[in-house]
Structure formats: structure tokens, C-alpha cells
């Protein structure tokens, strides 16, 4: 959830503005929950990394979705890591002295496509996600050991 800093100040000073924005926020979260359920029925569910809502200083609500599609080589690598973590977890359950979080894989590189979509309504955002042509999004190469490939800006 992104809220304009001036709007946050207004919310701190005025209870009416605060309740109005919290109501907008509750409605937006319900809309995003509904959208997540609708995404489960599509093949695009795995490409959505993050969903969010922005409340502007004018009180307008807008929605955004961050999408990411990894290349086949990177997908195979991620699947291999998941399998190794699962194997390590199963072994750790048998032997409590094993370290689960350190699978013995080396970094590899891969290709990834990333984009962010914005819309004023959840229905339009869902439509944009379903109609996205990944071939128009440029590929980025992920290098082994490179920092800054993925930031988690959630608070």
C-alpha cells in the first residue's frame, strides 16, 4: 500500500480523512483479494510477484501489479533449488543436526522479464495481466553473485 506523504499527514491531523482513507484501503484490499482468487484460474498466477494499491493526495485509488517471468534455464534452476531444500528439510527431520537452509547448489545465471502494470480498477488490471505480451518486454540477464537482482521494498 502506497499512500502519499501529504495524505498521511492529513490522516494524522483529521480523523474524518483518516476514516475515509481507511475505508478506501479496506475496499482496495478486498478488491485485491478478489483479484488474487481470479488469478488462480489463469496461467498468469505465477508471473505476478506483487500486487498493490496507491492512494493519491486527491483520494484516488489506483492499483498496480509487478510481474516477472523467468526464462526456462532460470526456472529449472529455481526448481532444482526447491527440490534440494525439500530434500534437506526431509533429511533434517530425520537428523536434527543438519542445516536446512544451505543447499549445495552453485549460483547460475538466467534470463528474466519484469514489468509493472498500473490501472484505476482491479478489473482493468486483471485484463492487462491476462493480455500482456511477454515478447514486448526486454529480457534481463541475472548474473551469479550479482547484488541488487531483487529488492523487497515491503515494510
N, C-alpha and C. Protein backbone atom coordinates (compact mmCIF):
# COMPACT_ATOMS: atom_id res chain seq x y z
N UNK A 1 0.85 -1.17 0.00
CA UNK A 1 0.00 0.00 0.00
C UNK A 1 0.89 1.23 0.00
N UNK A 2 0.67 2.08 -0.96
CA UNK A 2 1.41 3.33 -1.06
C UNK A 2 0.44 4.48 -0.81
N UNK A 3 0.77 5.31 0.15
CA UNK A 3 -0.06 6.47 0.47
C UNK A 3 0.81 7.70 0.38
N UNK A 4 0.33 8.71 -0.31
CA UNK A 4 1.05 9.96 -0.48
C UNK A 4 1.42 10.54 0.89
N UNK A 5 2.65 11.04 1.08
CA UNK A 5 3.06 11.57 2.38
C UNK A 5 2.17 12.71 2.90
N UNK A 6 1.72 13.59 2.01
CA UNK A 6 0.83 14.66 2.46
C UNK A 6 -0.50 14.09 2.95
N UNK A 7 -0.93 13.02 2.29
CA UNK A 7 -2.19 12.40 2.70
C UNK A 7 -2.04 11.75 4.08
N UNK A 8 -0.88 11.19 4.35
CA UNK A 8 -0.62 10.62 5.68
C UNK A 8 -0.66 11.71 6.75
N UNK A 9 -0.10 12.88 6.44
CA UNK A 9 -0.14 13.98 7.39
C UNK A 9 -1.57 14.43 7.65
N UNK A 10 -2.38 14.49 6.57
CA UNK A 10 -3.79 14.85 6.73
C UNK A 10 -4.50 13.82 7.61
N UNK A 11 -4.17 12.54 7.39
CA UNK A 11 -4.81 11.48 8.17
C UNK A 11 -4.45 11.61 9.66
N UNK A 12 -3.22 12.02 9.94
CA UNK A 12 -2.80 12.16 11.34
C UNK A 12 -3.51 13.33 12.01
N UNK A 13 -3.84 14.36 11.24
CA UNK A 13 -4.45 15.56 11.81
C UNK A 13 -5.98 15.50 11.84
N UNK A 14 -6.59 14.81 10.89
CA UNK A 14 -8.04 14.85 10.74
C UNK A 14 -8.60 13.42 10.78
N UNK A 15 -9.41 13.13 11.80
CA UNK A 15 -9.99 11.79 11.93
C UNK A 15 -10.95 11.44 10.80
N UNK A 16 -11.62 12.44 10.23
CA UNK A 16 -12.54 12.18 9.13
C UNK A 16 -11.77 11.71 7.89
N UNK A 17 -10.66 12.38 7.59
CA UNK A 17 -9.82 11.98 6.46
C UNK A 17 -9.24 10.60 6.71
N UNK A 18 -8.85 10.36 7.95
CA UNK A 18 -8.30 9.06 8.33
C UNK A 18 -9.32 7.95 8.10
N UNK A 19 -10.54 8.13 8.59
CA UNK A 19 -11.56 7.08 8.43
C UNK A 19 -11.92 6.90 6.96
N UNK A 20 -11.94 8.00 6.20
CA UNK A 20 -12.25 7.92 4.77
C UNK A 20 -11.18 7.11 4.04
N UNK A 21 -9.91 7.38 4.32
CA UNK A 21 -8.82 6.66 3.65
C UNK A 21 -8.75 5.20 4.11
N UNK A 22 -9.02 4.95 5.38
CA UNK A 22 -9.02 3.57 5.85
C UNK A 22 -10.15 2.77 5.19
N UNK A 23 -11.28 3.44 4.96
CA UNK A 23 -12.38 2.79 4.25
C UNK A 23 -11.98 2.48 2.81
N UNK A 24 -11.33 3.44 2.14
CA UNK A 24 -10.82 3.21 0.79
C UNK A 24 -9.83 2.05 0.77
N UNK A 25 -8.98 2.02 1.77
CA UNK A 25 -7.97 0.97 1.87
C UNK A 25 -8.60 -0.40 2.08
N UNK A 26 -9.60 -0.48 2.94
CA UNK A 26 -10.30 -1.76 3.16
C UNK A 26 -10.95 -2.26 1.87
N UNK A 27 -11.60 -1.34 1.15
CA UNK A 27 -12.23 -1.72 -0.12
C UNK A 27 -11.18 -2.19 -1.13
N UNK A 28 -10.04 -1.50 -1.17
CA UNK A 28 -8.98 -1.86 -2.12
C UNK A 28 -8.41 -3.23 -1.80
N UNK A 29 -8.22 -3.52 -0.52
CA UNK A 29 -7.68 -4.82 -0.12
C UNK A 29 -8.67 -5.93 -0.48
N UNK A 30 -9.95 -5.70 -0.29
CA UNK A 30 -10.95 -6.68 -0.68
C UNK A 30 -10.91 -6.92 -2.19
N UNK A 31 -10.76 -5.83 -2.95
CA UNK A 31 -10.67 -5.95 -4.41
C UNK A 31 -9.44 -6.75 -4.83
N UNK A 32 -8.31 -6.50 -4.17
CA UNK A 32 -7.09 -7.24 -4.49
C UNK A 32 -7.21 -8.71 -4.11
N UNK A 33 -7.87 -9.00 -2.99
CA UNK A 33 -8.11 -10.40 -2.61
C UNK A 33 -8.96 -11.11 -3.66
N UNK A 34 -9.98 -10.41 -4.14
CA UNK A 34 -10.82 -10.97 -5.19
C UNK A 34 -10.01 -11.20 -6.46
N UNK A 35 -9.13 -10.27 -6.77
CA UNK A 35 -8.29 -10.40 -7.96
C UNK A 35 -7.35 -11.59 -7.83
N UNK A 36 -6.80 -11.80 -6.65
CA UNK A 36 -5.91 -12.95 -6.44
C UNK A 36 -6.65 -14.26 -6.68
N UNK A 37 -7.89 -14.33 -6.26
CA UNK A 37 -8.70 -15.53 -6.49
C UNK A 37 -8.95 -15.73 -7.99
N UNK A 38 -9.21 -14.64 -8.69
CA UNK A 38 -9.44 -14.74 -10.14
C UNK A 38 -8.15 -15.14 -10.86
N UNK A 39 -7.00 -14.69 -10.36
CA UNK A 39 -5.72 -15.04 -10.98
C UNK A 39 -5.41 -16.52 -10.84
N UNK A 40 -5.92 -17.16 -9.80
CA UNK A 40 -5.66 -18.59 -9.60
C UNK A 40 -6.23 -19.42 -10.74
N UNK A 41 -7.24 -18.89 -11.42
CA UNK A 41 -7.87 -19.61 -12.52
C UNK A 41 -7.15 -19.40 -13.86
N UNK A 42 -6.08 -18.61 -13.86
CA UNK A 42 -5.36 -18.33 -15.10
C UNK A 42 -3.94 -18.88 -15.02
N UNK A 43 -3.27 -18.91 -16.17
CA UNK A 43 -1.89 -19.38 -16.18
C UNK A 43 -0.93 -18.26 -15.78
N UNK A 44 -1.45 -17.07 -15.50
CA UNK A 44 -0.62 -15.91 -15.16
C UNK A 44 -0.36 -15.78 -13.66
N UNK A 45 -0.91 -16.66 -12.87
CA UNK A 45 -0.77 -16.56 -11.41
C UNK A 45 0.70 -16.55 -10.98
N UNK A 46 1.52 -17.39 -11.58
CA UNK A 46 2.92 -17.49 -11.17
C UNK A 46 3.75 -16.28 -11.58
N UNK A 47 3.30 -15.54 -12.57
CA UNK A 47 4.09 -14.39 -13.02
C UNK A 47 3.87 -13.15 -12.15
N UNK A 48 2.80 -13.10 -11.37
CA UNK A 48 2.52 -11.94 -10.52
C UNK A 48 3.36 -12.07 -9.24
N UNK A 49 4.27 -11.12 -9.08
CA UNK A 49 5.17 -11.13 -7.92
C UNK A 49 4.54 -10.35 -6.77
N UNK A 50 3.91 -9.22 -7.10
CA UNK A 50 3.39 -8.34 -6.06
C UNK A 50 2.19 -7.59 -6.59
N UNK A 51 1.18 -7.44 -5.75
CA UNK A 51 0.01 -6.61 -6.05
C UNK A 51 -0.03 -5.49 -5.03
N UNK A 52 -0.47 -4.31 -5.46
CA UNK A 52 -0.52 -3.20 -4.52
C UNK A 52 -1.56 -2.19 -4.90
N UNK A 53 -1.73 -1.24 -3.98
CA UNK A 53 -2.69 -0.17 -4.16
C UNK A 53 -2.02 1.14 -3.76
N UNK A 54 -2.37 2.20 -4.49
CA UNK A 54 -1.85 3.53 -4.21
C UNK A 54 -3.02 4.45 -3.93
N UNK A 55 -2.92 5.22 -2.85
CA UNK A 55 -3.92 6.24 -2.55
C UNK A 55 -3.22 7.58 -2.72
N UNK A 56 -3.68 8.35 -3.70
CA UNK A 56 -3.06 9.64 -4.01
C UNK A 56 -3.52 10.74 -3.08
N UNK A 57 -2.89 11.90 -3.19
CA UNK A 57 -3.25 13.03 -2.34
C UNK A 57 -4.66 13.53 -2.64
N UNK A 58 -5.15 13.22 -3.84
CA UNK A 58 -6.51 13.61 -4.21
C UNK A 58 -7.54 12.56 -3.78
N UNK A 59 -7.10 11.49 -3.13
CA UNK A 59 -8.00 10.44 -2.66
C UNK A 59 -8.31 9.38 -3.70
N UNK A 60 -7.72 9.50 -4.88
CA UNK A 60 -7.95 8.50 -5.93
C UNK A 60 -7.16 7.23 -5.60
N UNK A 61 -7.81 6.11 -5.85
CA UNK A 61 -7.20 4.81 -5.62
C UNK A 61 -6.78 4.23 -6.96
N UNK A 62 -5.55 3.75 -7.03
CA UNK A 62 -5.10 3.06 -8.23
C UNK A 62 -4.40 1.78 -7.81
N UNK A 63 -4.34 0.83 -8.71
CA UNK A 63 -3.79 -0.49 -8.42
C UNK A 63 -2.58 -0.73 -9.31
N UNK A 64 -1.67 -1.57 -8.81
CA UNK A 64 -0.53 -1.94 -9.63
C UNK A 64 -0.18 -3.41 -9.39
N UNK A 65 0.47 -3.99 -10.38
CA UNK A 65 0.93 -5.37 -10.30
C UNK A 65 2.34 -5.43 -10.85
N UNK A 66 3.23 -6.05 -10.10
CA UNK A 66 4.59 -6.29 -10.57
C UNK A 66 4.64 -7.72 -11.06
N UNK A 67 5.08 -7.89 -12.30
CA UNK A 67 5.12 -9.20 -12.92
C UNK A 67 6.55 -9.57 -13.28
N UNK A 68 6.81 -10.85 -13.25
CA UNK A 68 8.14 -11.36 -13.58
C UNK A 68 7.99 -12.72 -14.22
N UNK A 69 8.68 -12.89 -15.32
CA UNK A 69 8.66 -14.19 -16.00
C UNK A 69 10.11 -14.60 -16.18
N UNK A 70 10.45 -15.72 -15.58
CA UNK A 70 11.83 -16.18 -15.67
C UNK A 70 11.99 -17.09 -16.87
N UNK A 71 13.20 -17.12 -17.41
CA UNK A 71 13.50 -17.98 -18.54
C UNK A 71 13.51 -19.43 -18.13
N UNK A 72 13.50 -20.31 -19.10
CA UNK A 72 13.45 -21.75 -18.84
C UNK A 72 14.65 -22.22 -18.02
N UNK A 73 15.84 -21.72 -18.36
CA UNK A 73 17.03 -22.14 -17.64
C UNK A 73 16.95 -21.72 -16.17
N UNK A 74 16.52 -20.48 -15.94
CA UNK A 74 16.38 -19.99 -14.57
C UNK A 74 15.29 -20.77 -13.83
N UNK A 75 14.21 -21.09 -14.53
CA UNK A 75 13.12 -21.84 -13.91
C UNK A 75 13.61 -23.22 -13.47
N UNK A 76 14.40 -23.87 -14.32
CA UNK A 76 14.96 -25.18 -13.96
C UNK A 76 15.85 -25.04 -12.72
N UNK A 77 16.63 -23.97 -12.66
CA UNK A 77 17.50 -23.74 -11.52
C UNK A 77 16.68 -23.54 -10.24
N UNK A 78 15.63 -22.73 -10.32
CA UNK A 78 14.78 -22.48 -9.15
C UNK A 78 14.11 -23.77 -8.70
N UNK A 79 13.62 -24.56 -9.65
CA UNK A 79 13.00 -25.84 -9.31
C UNK A 79 14.00 -26.77 -8.63
N UNK A 80 15.24 -26.77 -9.11
CA UNK A 80 16.29 -27.60 -8.53
C UNK A 80 16.57 -27.17 -7.09
N UNK A 81 16.64 -25.87 -6.86
CA UNK A 81 16.87 -25.34 -5.50
C UNK A 81 15.73 -25.76 -4.58
N UNK A 82 14.49 -25.65 -5.07
CA UNK A 82 13.33 -26.04 -4.25
C UNK A 82 13.40 -27.52 -3.88
N UNK A 83 13.75 -28.34 -4.86
CA UNK A 83 13.87 -29.78 -4.59
C UNK A 83 14.96 -30.06 -3.57
N UNK A 84 16.09 -29.38 -3.70
CA UNK A 84 17.19 -29.59 -2.76
C UNK A 84 16.82 -29.12 -1.37
N UNK A 85 16.10 -28.01 -1.27
CA UNK A 85 15.65 -27.53 0.04
C UNK A 85 14.67 -28.52 0.65
N UNK A 86 13.77 -29.06 -0.16
CA UNK A 86 12.82 -30.05 0.33
C UNK A 86 13.55 -31.30 0.80
N UNK A 87 14.54 -31.76 0.01
CA UNK A 87 15.33 -32.92 0.41
C UNK A 87 16.08 -32.64 1.71
N UNK A 88 16.67 -31.45 1.80
CA UNK A 88 17.40 -31.09 3.01
C UNK A 88 16.47 -31.02 4.22
N UNK A 89 15.26 -30.53 3.99
CA UNK A 89 14.28 -30.44 5.08
C UNK A 89 13.90 -31.85 5.56
N UNK A 90 13.68 -32.75 4.60
CA UNK A 90 13.33 -34.12 4.97
C UNK A 90 14.48 -34.80 5.72
N UNK A 91 15.70 -34.57 5.28
CA UNK A 91 16.86 -35.13 5.98
C UNK A 91 17.00 -34.52 7.36
N UNK A 92 16.73 -33.22 7.48
CA UNK A 92 16.84 -32.54 8.77
C UNK A 92 15.81 -33.06 9.76
N UNK A 93 14.66 -33.43 9.25
CA UNK A 93 13.65 -34.00 10.14
C UNK A 93 14.12 -35.33 10.71
N UNK A 94 14.90 -36.07 9.92
CA UNK A 94 15.45 -37.33 10.40
C UNK A 94 16.65 -37.11 11.30
N UNK A 95 17.43 -36.10 10.97
CA UNK A 95 18.64 -35.82 11.74
C UNK A 95 18.64 -34.33 12.08
N UNK A 96 18.31 -33.99 13.30
CA UNK A 96 18.12 -32.60 13.71
C UNK A 96 19.40 -31.77 13.59
N UNK A 97 20.53 -32.37 13.41
CA UNK A 97 21.78 -31.60 13.33
C UNK A 97 22.09 -31.10 11.93
N UNK A 98 21.28 -31.40 10.93
CA UNK A 98 21.52 -30.95 9.56
C UNK A 98 21.06 -29.50 9.39
N UNK A 99 21.70 -28.77 8.49
CA UNK A 99 21.35 -27.38 8.20
C UNK A 99 20.46 -27.36 6.96
N UNK A 100 19.21 -26.91 7.12
CA UNK A 100 18.22 -26.95 6.06
C UNK A 100 18.43 -25.83 5.04
N UNK A 101 18.91 -24.68 5.49
CA UNK A 101 18.94 -23.50 4.63
C UNK A 101 20.15 -23.41 3.71
N UNK A 102 21.01 -24.40 3.67
CA UNK A 102 22.19 -24.33 2.84
C UNK A 102 22.26 -25.47 1.83
N UNK A 103 21.41 -25.46 0.81
CA UNK A 103 21.53 -26.49 -0.21
C UNK A 103 22.85 -26.31 -0.96
N UNK A 104 23.39 -27.41 -1.45
CA UNK A 104 24.72 -27.36 -2.06
C UNK A 104 24.61 -27.09 -3.56
N UNK A 105 24.08 -25.92 -3.91
CA UNK A 105 24.00 -25.56 -5.32
C UNK A 105 24.85 -24.34 -5.56
N UNK A 106 25.36 -24.25 -6.76
CA UNK A 106 26.14 -23.08 -7.16
C UNK A 106 25.20 -22.12 -7.87
N UNK A 107 25.54 -20.84 -7.78
CA UNK A 107 24.75 -19.84 -8.49
C UNK A 107 24.87 -20.06 -9.99
N UNK A 108 23.82 -19.71 -10.67
CA UNK A 108 23.82 -19.77 -12.12
C UNK A 108 23.20 -18.49 -12.64
N UNK A 109 23.25 -18.29 -13.91
CA UNK A 109 22.61 -17.11 -14.46
C UNK A 109 21.39 -17.53 -15.25
N UNK A 110 20.56 -16.57 -15.48
CA UNK A 110 19.35 -16.86 -16.23
C UNK A 110 18.80 -15.59 -16.82
N UNK A 111 17.70 -15.73 -17.49
CA UNK A 111 17.02 -14.60 -18.12
C UNK A 111 15.71 -14.35 -17.40
N UNK A 112 15.37 -13.09 -17.26
CA UNK A 112 14.13 -12.73 -16.61
C UNK A 112 13.53 -11.52 -17.33
N UNK A 113 12.22 -11.49 -17.35
CA UNK A 113 11.49 -10.34 -17.90
C UNK A 113 10.65 -9.78 -16.76
N UNK A 114 10.71 -8.44 -16.57
CA UNK A 114 9.98 -7.80 -15.48
C UNK A 114 9.22 -6.59 -16.01
N UNK A 115 8.04 -6.36 -15.44
CA UNK A 115 7.27 -5.17 -15.79
C UNK A 115 6.31 -4.85 -14.64
N UNK A 116 5.82 -3.63 -14.63
CA UNK A 116 4.82 -3.19 -13.66
C UNK A 116 3.65 -2.60 -14.43
N UNK A 117 2.47 -3.04 -14.10
CA UNK A 117 1.25 -2.55 -14.74
C UNK A 117 0.47 -1.70 -13.74
N UNK A 118 -0.17 -0.64 -14.23
CA UNK A 118 -0.97 0.26 -13.39
C UNK A 118 -2.36 0.40 -13.97
N UNK A 119 -3.34 0.55 -13.07
CA UNK A 119 -4.71 0.74 -13.52
C UNK A 119 -5.54 1.40 -12.42
N UNK A 120 -6.63 2.01 -12.83
CA UNK A 120 -7.52 2.64 -11.85
C UNK A 120 -8.57 1.66 -11.32
N UNK A 121 -8.65 0.46 -11.93
CA UNK A 121 -9.61 -0.54 -11.44
C UNK A 121 -8.97 -1.93 -11.45
N UNK A 122 -9.46 -2.76 -10.59
CA UNK A 122 -8.95 -4.13 -10.48
C UNK A 122 -9.29 -4.91 -11.75
N UNK A 123 -10.49 -4.72 -12.27
CA UNK A 123 -10.89 -5.45 -13.49
C UNK A 123 -9.98 -5.11 -14.66
N UNK A 124 -9.66 -3.83 -14.81
CA UNK A 124 -8.78 -3.43 -15.90
C UNK A 124 -7.36 -3.97 -15.68
N UNK A 125 -6.89 -3.97 -14.44
CA UNK A 125 -5.57 -4.51 -14.14
C UNK A 125 -5.50 -6.00 -14.46
N UNK A 126 -6.53 -6.74 -14.09
CA UNK A 126 -6.60 -8.16 -14.40
C UNK A 126 -6.60 -8.39 -15.91
N UNK A 127 -7.33 -7.56 -16.63
CA UNK A 127 -7.37 -7.65 -18.08
C UNK A 127 -5.98 -7.39 -18.67
N UNK A 128 -5.28 -6.37 -18.15
CA UNK A 128 -3.93 -6.07 -18.62
C UNK A 128 -2.97 -7.25 -18.36
N UNK A 129 -3.09 -7.87 -17.19
CA UNK A 129 -2.23 -9.01 -16.85
C UNK A 129 -2.48 -10.16 -17.83
N UNK A 130 -3.74 -10.45 -18.08
CA UNK A 130 -4.08 -11.57 -18.96
C UNK A 130 -3.73 -11.32 -20.42
N UNK A 131 -3.68 -10.05 -20.82
CA UNK A 131 -3.38 -9.72 -22.21
C UNK A 131 -1.93 -9.31 -22.44
N UNK A 132 -1.10 -9.39 -21.41
CA UNK A 132 0.29 -8.97 -21.53
C UNK A 132 1.04 -9.84 -22.53
N UNK A 133 1.72 -9.20 -23.46
CA UNK A 133 2.54 -9.89 -24.45
C UNK A 133 3.98 -9.85 -23.96
N UNK A 134 4.45 -10.96 -23.40
CA UNK A 134 5.79 -11.01 -22.80
C UNK A 134 6.89 -10.78 -23.83
N UNK A 135 6.60 -11.00 -25.10
CA UNK A 135 7.63 -10.81 -26.12
C UNK A 135 7.99 -9.33 -26.29
N UNK A 136 7.14 -8.42 -25.81
CA UNK A 136 7.44 -7.00 -25.91
C UNK A 136 8.27 -6.49 -24.73
N UNK A 137 8.46 -7.32 -23.71
CA UNK A 137 9.22 -6.94 -22.52
C UNK A 137 10.66 -7.41 -22.71
N UNK A 138 11.64 -6.50 -22.58
CA UNK A 138 13.04 -6.92 -22.79
C UNK A 138 13.53 -7.86 -21.69
N UNK A 139 14.39 -8.79 -22.08
CA UNK A 139 14.97 -9.74 -21.13
C UNK A 139 16.16 -9.09 -20.42
N UNK A 140 16.30 -9.44 -19.15
CA UNK A 140 17.46 -9.04 -18.36
C UNK A 140 18.23 -10.31 -18.02
N UNK A 141 19.54 -10.21 -17.95
CA UNK A 141 20.36 -11.35 -17.57
C UNK A 141 20.71 -11.24 -16.10
N UNK A 142 20.44 -12.30 -15.36
CA UNK A 142 20.80 -12.36 -13.95
C UNK A 142 22.16 -13.04 -13.85
N UNK A 143 23.11 -12.36 -13.28
CA UNK A 143 24.45 -12.90 -13.16
C UNK A 143 24.64 -13.53 -11.79
N UNK A 144 25.46 -14.59 -11.70
CA UNK A 144 25.69 -15.22 -10.40
C UNK A 144 26.40 -14.26 -9.46
N UNK A 145 25.94 -14.23 -8.23
CA UNK A 145 26.57 -13.41 -7.22
C UNK A 145 26.30 -11.92 -7.35
N UNK A 146 25.54 -11.52 -8.35
CA UNK A 146 25.25 -10.10 -8.53
C UNK A 146 24.26 -9.65 -7.47
N UNK A 147 24.54 -8.52 -6.87
CA UNK A 147 23.62 -7.99 -5.88
C UNK A 147 22.63 -7.07 -6.56
N UNK A 148 21.50 -6.89 -5.92
CA UNK A 148 20.51 -5.97 -6.44
C UNK A 148 19.60 -6.59 -7.48
N UNK A 149 19.60 -7.91 -7.64
CA UNK A 149 18.70 -8.52 -8.61
C UNK A 149 17.26 -8.48 -8.16
N UNK A 150 17.05 -8.44 -6.85
CA UNK A 150 15.69 -8.43 -6.36
C UNK A 150 15.65 -7.66 -5.05
N UNK A 151 14.81 -6.65 -4.99
CA UNK A 151 14.65 -5.87 -3.79
C UNK A 151 13.28 -6.14 -3.21
N UNK A 152 13.21 -6.28 -1.91
CA UNK A 152 11.94 -6.41 -1.23
C UNK A 152 11.70 -5.08 -0.52
N UNK A 153 10.84 -4.25 -1.07
CA UNK A 153 10.58 -2.93 -0.53
C UNK A 153 9.40 -2.92 0.43
N UNK A 154 8.91 -4.07 0.79
CA UNK A 154 7.78 -4.11 1.71
C UNK A 154 8.24 -3.70 3.10
N UNK A 155 7.34 -3.07 3.84
CA UNK A 155 7.68 -2.60 5.18
C UNK A 155 6.95 -3.44 6.19
